[in-house]
């Protein structure tokens, strides 16, 4: 996890989450199912106190890329009102 040089992660009241799924095989994937698969990752962000509450999130439509190493990249941005 990259915390931009901070020792303690920020406790965000509101956040926007961008997810990038990287797969080795190109096929049609359902964005709704990809978002549902993020539940445990989002709960983990709350459990490690990056998010104060996971109810005040904006989750962007997932980005799907093809690459050599399958992985998930989560980017969390604060929402400033």
Protein backbone atom coordinates (compact mmCIF):
# COMPACT_ATOMS: atom_id res chain seq x y z
CA UNK A 1 0.00 0.00 0.00
CA UNK A 2 1.36 3.39 -0.97
CA UNK A 3 0.64 6.07 1.61
CA UNK A 4 2.56 8.91 -0.04
CA UNK A 5 5.35 8.88 2.53
CA UNK A 6 3.03 9.03 5.54
CA UNK A 7 3.54 6.80 8.55
CA UNK A 8 -0.14 6.67 9.42
CA UNK A 9 -2.81 6.29 6.75
CA UNK A 10 -5.43 9.03 6.55
CA UNK A 11 -8.84 8.35 8.06
CA UNK A 12 -11.15 9.41 5.24
CA UNK A 13 -14.74 10.45 5.95
CA UNK A 14 -15.70 10.17 2.26
CA UNK A 15 -13.78 8.54 -0.56
CA UNK A 16 -13.81 7.67 -4.23
CA UNK A 17 -12.38 4.29 -5.23
CA UNK A 18 -10.91 3.46 -8.63
CA UNK A 19 -10.22 -0.23 -9.30
CA UNK A 20 -8.09 -1.64 -12.10
CA UNK A 21 -8.32 -5.37 -12.73
CA UNK A 22 -5.47 -6.84 -14.78
CA UNK A 23 -6.06 -10.24 -16.38
CA UNK A 24 -3.94 -12.45 -18.64
CA UNK A 25 -6.93 -13.58 -20.73
CA UNK A 26 -9.15 -11.25 -22.71
CA UNK A 27 -12.86 -12.06 -22.30
CA UNK A 28 -16.07 -10.23 -21.48
CA UNK A 29 -16.36 -9.45 -17.76
CA UNK A 30 -19.37 -8.07 -15.91
CA UNK A 31 -18.51 -4.76 -14.16
CA UNK A 32 -21.24 -5.38 -11.54
CA UNK A 33 -19.58 -8.64 -10.49
CA UNK A 34 -16.17 -6.97 -10.39
CA UNK A 35 -17.52 -4.28 -8.07
CA UNK A 36 -19.10 -6.96 -5.86
CA UNK A 37 -15.74 -8.74 -5.68
CA UNK A 38 -14.25 -5.60 -4.08
CA UNK A 39 -16.27 -6.03 -0.86
CA UNK A 40 -13.52 -7.69 1.18
CA UNK A 41 -10.91 -5.19 -0.07
CA UNK A 42 -13.15 -2.26 0.88
CA UNK A 43 -13.87 -3.84 4.28
CA UNK A 44 -10.10 -4.14 4.72
CA UNK A 45 -9.66 -0.42 4.01
CA UNK A 46 -12.17 0.25 6.78
CA UNK A 47 -10.58 -2.27 9.16
CA UNK A 48 -7.11 -0.73 8.75
CA UNK A 49 -8.61 2.73 9.34
CA UNK A 50 -8.09 4.25 5.91
CA UNK A 51 -11.86 4.67 5.57
CA UNK A 52 -13.98 5.78 8.50
CA UNK A 53 -17.08 4.14 7.02
CA UNK A 54 -17.59 2.17 3.84
CA UNK A 55 -21.11 3.52 3.34
CA UNK A 56 -19.98 6.92 2.02
CA UNK A 57 -18.09 5.68 -1.03
CA UNK A 58 -18.22 6.44 -4.70
CA UNK A 59 -17.02 3.40 -6.61
CA UNK A 60 -16.08 4.08 -10.21
CA UNK A 61 -16.75 1.60 -13.00
CA UNK A 62 -13.81 -0.84 -12.94
CA UNK A 63 -11.01 -0.53 -15.48
CA UNK A 64 -10.12 -3.85 -17.12
CA UNK A 65 -6.67 -4.32 -18.69
CA UNK A 66 -4.77 -7.25 -20.16
CA UNK A 67 -1.26 -7.85 -18.79
CA UNK A 68 1.32 -10.49 -17.96
CA UNK A 69 0.69 -10.55 -14.20
CA UNK A 70 -2.92 -10.65 -13.00
CA UNK A 71 -3.53 -8.18 -10.18
CA UNK A 72 -5.92 -5.67 -8.68
CA UNK A 73 -4.95 -2.05 -8.19
CA UNK A 74 -7.10 0.00 -5.80
CA UNK A 75 -6.73 3.76 -5.71
CA UNK A 76 -8.48 5.67 -2.92
CA UNK A 77 -9.07 9.40 -3.27
CA UNK A 78 -10.54 11.71 -0.63
CA UNK A 79 -13.79 13.46 -1.55
CA UNK A 80 -13.64 17.08 -0.48
CA UNK A 81 -16.93 18.92 -0.22
